[in-house]
Every structure is written in C-alpha cells, then in structure tokens.
Amino acid sequence: MTQKPALQLFHDLLADIRDPDFIWQVLALIVSLLAASLIARWWRARNEEGAGRLSDASARLAFPLVGMLLVGAARLGLENFLHVNLLKLAMPLLGSMALVRSVVFVLRQAFPRAAWLAAWERIIAATVWGWLALYITDVAPHVIAALESVQFAIGKQKVDLWMILHGVVTVFLTVVFALWVAGVIERKLMRVDALDSSLRIVGVRVAKALLTVIAIVTSLSLVGIDMTALSVFTGALGVGLGFGLQKIASNYVSGFIILLDRSIRLGNIVQVGNDAGQVTQITTRYTVLKHPGGTEFIVPNETLIGSTVQNQTYSDRRLRLATAVGVAYGSDLDRVMSIMVAVAEAHPRVLRDPAPKVLLTQFADSAINLELGFWIDDPEEGRGNVISDINIGIWRAFREQGIEIPFPQREVRLLDQASA
C-alpha cells in the first residue's frame, strides 16, 4: 500500500491465499495479536490501581499499538522470504482501532457525564472504519472529488461539500481536544488547596472559554474559511444581546463577579428571600442551594448580585443556635441553668468556645422562661437535629431531677343557676 493502488492489495491477498506459504502469514498475525493481547492484559493489571487518566488511556491503547509494533516487526522479518500482504492489511486496521479508542477516550474525558456518548462511540467507530474501507479500496479520492464538485457561495466565500464536511470534523476534533485539555487543567487546579475555591472555578471557566474559542478559530483557519466571515455571526450575537439575551448575559457576568469577589463560596449557608440552603454549585447562569431537607433551589446569579443575601458562614463558620424552656417559680435556677449547660456541653457538635450559656428572658404568667444559647461550626450538617437532641436531653434531665416544666392551666366552674 505504498506505491501501487490500495485496491491492488486485495488482489494480492487473494493470490496469497492460494499460496501454501500463506499459512506463515496467518501464524505470524495470530502470534502477534496473542502477544499483544497478553502484553495489554499485563499492562492493564499493572496500572489497575494507578490513579489518573493517563494510565487508563495507556491501557486502552496498549493492544492496538503493541499489535501494530509486533505486526510491523513480523512484516519486516518475513518480507524477504514470502509475501506479507495480510500483515500489510492488518496494520491500518490496528491503527484505526487505536484512533477510535483515542477519540472515544478524549470524548469521555471532555464529557464525563454525557449519556449520549455510548451511541456516539458506535458512530465514531463506524465512521473511522468506513473511511478506512474507502481508503483501502481506493474509492476515497473519487468521493472527495465528488464532494468538491458541489460548490456554492456564502457571501464572498466559496465553499463546497468537502470543505464543510472537513470543517465540521476538524472543528469537532479540535473542540473536543480543547475540552480535554481544559479538563486536565480543571483537575490540576482543583487539587491546589492553597488557591481559593472560587478562583479555581474562575480559572477553569476562563480556560474552557479561551481554549474553545482558540480551537474553533484555529480549525476554521486550517479548513481555509476566511475569518472575516465570522463578522456576520458576531453582529447577530450583538443584536441578540441587545434584544433578547440581556438576562443571560447579566447572569453570566454576575456569575463571574460572585466568583471573583468571593462573597459567596461553595459550602456557604446562605438565604435569599425565602430560599435558604448550602451552596453546592456555582455555574455561569445560576447558583444551586441545597436545603437540609433535600430540596434544591436554583437561584439566578443576577438575583444574588441585586438583592440582599444572608450568608451565615461568610467570615465565620460558627453559628449560634438557641432553645427556650420554662420552669416553675419554685425551682432552683442555679441548678436548672447548670443542668441545661451540661446537656449542651455533652453534645458532640456543640463548641466549648464560645461556651453554652443560659439567659433568663422573661418572668411569664406561669413560668420563668430561660434561653439556652450554644454554638456549632458545621451548619451544613443541619440545625434542627442539634436543637432536637438538646431539647430531649433537657427534658430527660429535668425528669430525673424532678424539675417541673409548667404549662397553663384553667379551672372552669359551673354555678347553680337555680339558686341564683
């Protein structure tokens, strides 16, 4: 498949099948593939516990690449003694297998949560193998010439079907490669603990945007499309921003402002209006708040910028909680207060500094009202559960010590109307 047409390879292969020496080509191919399979299996087992996607990529490409090397070595060793047309055909097939696995691997890294990738994997494999079949049968040049013959103009730019198809594939591959590189940068940045989490997210998004733009511009230049043709698109984008995309642009800019000024970070407990929860995700358009009850609120970034936000963990993660209880007027207040403080200190989530403290808040009609205040530093774990645990502990301790928790009582008297 060097100087003669590729289709001739099939005729030579059919002629070799009738030759008794063809069995040596088959044996050489089988031995090479078996050896490649064993080496790939050994390499996969060796890197099975290794963390990182580079080891995963090498495990996927081990078989086709090692197979190509072994088949190539067998071809060089046998071509001086017999025909090696079968080995010549096997090498591009193994190369296309390596190409398919490489593209699918990059796609999986660029789109880790994409459910459609399983179907696209088959389409990519079918496309690569189909183009290889056209190339081997020497039909590819005729297909390219037929596509180039269909020409039309877009403005001043003349294009044809082959340019469009070539451009789509080039843009797709370069963008996927750019997203893969952005994913590598994201994993590196997210492991830098010295850098604030918000700045890491900003770096990741800026890297993705820049790499995507560079990939598109570069791929279009490689195809031969004049960059001035993009002026129509940029003009339409400007008109769209002016008429109907103000909110999207505002949310996008607001998202970067939130990340850069670090007023809201991942893990913060915030409240916006009636919506409250822990910040679990900050995207370019919205921020996700997860309530302890499991409900998730999607708040547009523009709302966070233009309204008052109650951030309970902005500068200090410690949060004060309180619970109230009433005791009878005849109770020993010093002993009651010490019991309540002891119950709070016994809870594992209550901080010792600041220490729990009891305040006398009111002399009510039927009880002396006391408020137990205490601090926690993990509000994302919930607040109601801590208050409930301490309330139950106070009730049990009061019952053991004979301390009464009074409640309002009413007496109803019925007078004898006859005597009246």
Foldseek 3Di string as FASTA:
>chain_A
DPPDALQVLVVVVVVCVPPPCVVVLVVQLVVLQVVQVVVLVVLCVVCVPPDDCVSVLCSQLSRLVSSLVSLVVVCVVCVVPDDNSVSVVVNVVSVLSNVLSVQLSLLCLLCVPDPCSVVVSVVSSCVSVVVVVCRSNVNVVVVLVVQQVAWDDDVPDIDTRNLVVQLVVQLVSQLSNQSNVLSVLLVVLVPPPVDAPLVSVVVSVVSNVVSNVVSNVVSCVVSPHDPVVCVVVVVVVVVCCVPPCVLLVLLLVLLNVCSVVVQADAQWWKDQPPDTAGFHDRDSFWTWGAHPVGDIDTGGSNSVVPGDMGTQPRPALKDKDKDKAWFAPPDDVVVLFVQLQVLQVPDPFWDPVVGKGKDFDDDDPGTGMIMIMTMGRNCNNDDVVSVVSSVVSSVVVCVVVVTDRDDDDDDDDDDDPVVD
